[in-house]
PDB file of N, CA and C in Angstrom:
ATOM      1  N   MET A   1       0.776  -1.133  -0.542  1.00  0.00           N
ATOM      2  CA  MET A   1      -0.121   0.334   0.048  1.00  0.00           C
ATOM      3  C   MET A   1       1.118   1.019   0.496  1.00  0.00           C
ATOM      4  N   ASP A   2       0.943   2.073  -0.900  1.00  0.00           N
ATOM      5  CA  ASP A   2       1.685   3.125  -1.702  1.00  0.00           C
ATOM      6  C   ASP A   2       0.316   4.493  -0.522  1.00  0.00           C
ATOM      7  N   PRO A   3       0.418   4.242   0.226  1.00  0.00           N
ATOM      8  CA  PRO A   3      -0.947   5.858   0.189  1.00  0.00           C
ATOM      9  C   PRO A   3      -0.348   7.383   0.573  1.00  0.00           C
ATOM     10  N   GLN A   4      -1.330   7.891  -0.614  1.00  0.00           N
ATOM     11  CA  GLN A   4      -0.385   9.619  -0.984  1.00  0.00           C
ATOM     12  C   GLN A   4      -1.860   9.811  -0.323  1.00  0.00           C
ATOM     13  N   TRP A   5      -1.506  10.687   0.800  1.00  0.00           N
ATOM     14  CA  TRP A   5      -3.222  11.278   1.385  1.00  0.00           C
ATOM     15  C   TRP A   5      -3.624  12.469   1.011  1.00  0.00           C
ATOM     16  N   THR A   6      -4.535  12.857   1.025  1.00  0.00           N
ATOM     17  CA  THR A   6      -5.231  14.065   0.449  1.00  0.00           C
ATOM     18  C   THR A   6      -5.558  14.665   1.703  1.00  0.00           C
ATOM     19  N   ASP A   7      -5.715  16.044   2.028  1.00  0.00           N
ATOM     20  CA  ASP A   7      -6.702  17.547   2.675  1.00  0.00           C
ATOM     21  C   ASP A   7      -7.924  17.073   2.197  1.00  0.00           C
ATOM     22  N   ASN A   8      -8.453  16.243   1.412  1.00  0.00           N
ATOM     23  CA  ASN A   8      -9.937  16.646   1.310  1.00  0.00           C
ATOM     24  C   ASN A   8     -10.486  15.961   2.530  1.00  0.00           C
ATOM     25  N   ALA A   9      -9.882  14.504   2.382  1.00  0.00           N
ATOM     26  CA  ALA A   9     -11.037  14.381   3.663  1.00  0.00           C
ATOM     27  C   ALA A   9     -10.253  13.675   4.792  1.00  0.00           C
ATOM     28  N   PRO A  10     -10.378  13.684   6.815  1.00  0.00           N
ATOM     29  CA  PRO A  10      -9.377  13.655   7.632  1.00  0.00           C
ATOM     30  C   PRO A  10      -8.619  11.849   7.215  1.00  0.00           C
ATOM     31  N   ILE A  11      -8.079  11.616   8.069  1.00  0.00           N
ATOM     32  CA  ILE A  11      -6.073  10.495   7.518  1.00  0.00           C
ATOM     33  C   ILE A  11      -6.906   9.267   7.538  1.00  0.00           C
ATOM     34  N   TYR A  12      -7.943   9.207   9.491  1.00  0.00           N
ATOM     35  CA  TYR A  12      -8.652   7.975   9.097  1.00  0.00           C
ATOM     36  C   TYR A  12      -9.284   6.755   8.251  1.00  0.00           C
ATOM     37  N   ARG A  13     -10.591   8.799   7.726  1.00  0.00           N
ATOM     38  CA  ARG A  13     -10.698   7.489   6.768  1.00  0.00           C
ATOM     39  C   ARG A  13     -10.696   7.361   5.321  1.00  0.00           C
ATOM     40  N   GLN A  14      -9.627   8.360   5.092  1.00  0.00           N
ATOM     41  CA  GLN A  14      -8.822   8.426   4.526  1.00  0.00           C
ATOM     42  C   GLN A  14      -8.198   6.718   4.271  1.00  0.00           C
ATOM     43  N   LEU A  15      -7.891   5.791   5.469  1.00  0.00           N
ATOM     44  CA  LEU A  15      -7.335   5.105   5.228  1.00  0.00           C
ATOM     45  C   LEU A  15      -8.633   3.222   5.885  1.00  0.00           C
ATOM     46  N   ARG A  16      -9.587   4.070   6.586  1.00  0.00           N
ATOM     47  CA  ARG A  16     -10.594   3.165   6.666  1.00  0.00           C
ATOM     48  C   ARG A  16     -10.577   3.330   5.023  1.00  0.00           C
ATOM     49  N   ASP A  17     -10.737   3.144   4.010  1.00  0.00           N
ATOM     50  CA  ASP A  17     -11.647   3.528   2.591  1.00  0.00           C
ATOM     51  C   ASP A  17     -10.384   2.129   1.684  1.00  0.00           C
ATOM     52  N   ARG A  18      -9.123   2.504   2.013  1.00  0.00           N
ATOM     53  CA  ARG A  18      -8.327   1.466   1.367  1.00  0.00           C
ATOM     54  C   ARG A  18      -8.123   0.622   2.475  1.00  0.00           C
ATOM     55  N   VAL A  19      -8.163   0.407   3.739  1.00  0.00           N
ATOM     56  CA  VAL A  19      -8.876  -1.257   3.545  1.00  0.00           C
ATOM     57  C   VAL A  19      -9.810  -1.505   3.230  1.00  0.00           C
ATOM     58  N   ALA A  20     -10.940  -0.766   3.660  1.00  0.00           N
ATOM     59  CA  ALA A  20     -12.054  -1.468   3.307  1.00  0.00           C
ATOM     60  C   ALA A  20     -12.051  -1.637   0.771  1.00  0.00           C
ATOM     61  N   ALA A  21     -11.394  -1.279   0.894  1.00  0.00           N
ATOM     62  CA  ALA A  21     -11.044  -1.621   0.085  1.00  0.00           C
ATOM     63  C   ALA A  21     -10.481  -3.075  -0.852  1.00  0.00           C
ATOM     64  N   MET A  22      -9.416  -3.105  -0.186  1.00  0.00           N
ATOM     65  CA  MET A  22      -8.558  -3.704  -0.063  1.00  0.00           C
ATOM     66  C   MET A  22      -9.408  -4.947   0.156  1.00  0.00           C
ATOM     67  N   ILE A  23      -9.989  -4.931   1.385  1.00  0.00           N
ATOM     68  CA  ILE A  23     -11.097  -6.745   2.155  1.00  0.00           C
ATOM     69  C   ILE A  23     -12.069  -6.342   0.271  1.00  0.00           C
ATOM     70  N   LEU A  24     -12.810  -5.589  -0.048  1.00  0.00           N
ATOM     71  CA  LEU A  24     -13.240  -5.596  -1.756  1.00  0.00           C
ATOM     72  C   LEU A  24     -12.620  -6.290  -2.809  1.00  0.00           C
ATOM     73  N   GLU A  25     -11.237  -6.412  -2.269  1.00  0.00           N
ATOM     74  CA  GLU A  25     -10.744  -6.795  -3.927  1.00  0.00           C
ATOM     75  C   GLU A  25      -9.815  -8.029  -3.454  1.00  0.00           C
ATOM     76  N   ARG A  26     -10.209  -8.296  -2.026  1.00  0.00           N
ATOM     77  CA  ARG A  26      -9.590  -9.281  -1.475  1.00  0.00           C
ATOM     78  C   ARG A  26      -7.862  -9.635  -1.704  1.00  0.00           C
ATOM     79  N   VAL A  27      -7.530  -8.650  -1.808  1.00  0.00           N
ATOM     80  CA  VAL A  27      -6.084  -8.886  -0.896  1.00  0.00           C
ATOM     81  C   VAL A  27      -5.461  -8.504  -0.048  1.00  0.00           C
ATOM     82  N   LEU A  28      -6.647  -8.573   1.283  1.00  0.00           N
ATOM     83  CA  LEU A  28      -6.521  -9.282   2.998  1.00  0.00           C
ATOM     84  C   LEU A  28      -7.425 -10.337   2.755  1.00  0.00           C
ATOM     85  N   LYS A  29      -7.143 -10.941   3.403  1.00  0.00           N
ATOM     86  CA  LYS A  29      -7.954 -12.241   2.917  1.00  0.00           C
ATOM     87  C   LYS A  29      -8.937 -12.525   5.028  1.00  0.00           C
ATOM     88  N   ASP A  30      -9.492 -12.978   5.712  1.00  0.00           N
ATOM     89  CA  ASP A  30      -9.998 -12.837   7.409  1.00  0.00           C
ATOM     90  C   ASP A  30      -8.754 -13.308   8.052  1.00  0.00           C
ATOM     91  N   GLY A  31      -7.601 -13.279   8.774  1.00  0.00           N
ATOM     92  CA  GLY A  31      -6.787 -12.920   9.930  1.00  0.00           C
ATOM     93  C   GLY A  31      -5.836 -12.745   9.354  1.00  0.00           C
ATOM     94  N   ASP A  32      -5.534 -11.947   7.791  1.00  0.00           N
ATOM     95  CA  ASP A  32      -4.377 -11.112   7.323  1.00  0.00           C
ATOM     96  C   ASP A  32      -4.220  -9.826   8.219  1.00  0.00           C
ATOM     97  N   PRO A  33      -2.558  -9.619   8.631  1.00  0.00           N
ATOM     98  CA  PRO A  33      -2.550  -8.392   9.748  1.00  0.00           C
ATOM     99  C   PRO A  33      -2.588  -7.724   8.937  1.00  0.00           C
ATOM    100  N   LEU A  34      -3.281  -6.082   9.152  1.00  0.00           N
ATOM    101  CA  LEU A  34      -3.731  -4.405   8.281  1.00  0.00           C
ATOM    102  C   LEU A  34      -1.712  -4.514   7.755  1.00  0.00           C
ATOM    103  N   PRO A  35      -1.973  -3.505   6.756  1.00  0.00           N
ATOM    104  CA  PRO A  35      -0.594  -3.496   6.496  1.00  0.00           C
ATOM    105  C   PRO A  35       0.175  -2.397   7.387  1.00  0.00           C
ATOM    106  N   SER A  36       1.053  -2.453   7.493  1.00  0.00           N
ATOM    107  CA  SER A  36       1.129  -1.252   7.973  1.00  0.00           C
ATOM    108  C   SER A  36       1.150   0.285   7.398  1.00  0.00           C
ATOM    109  N   VAL A  37       1.558   1.939   8.103  1.00  0.00           N
ATOM    110  CA  VAL A  37       1.506   2.938   7.801  1.00  0.00           C
ATOM    111  C   VAL A  37       2.434   3.976   7.531  1.00  0.00           C
TER     112      VAL A  37
END
């Protein structure tokens, strides 16, 4: 994950959206650790 944070939304929301996308794209599977930021 190569985060490029924007000022349009708080970082916690951007992080939530990226993790949710990774789950939906099946990049993260059940039991996988979350990526570091």
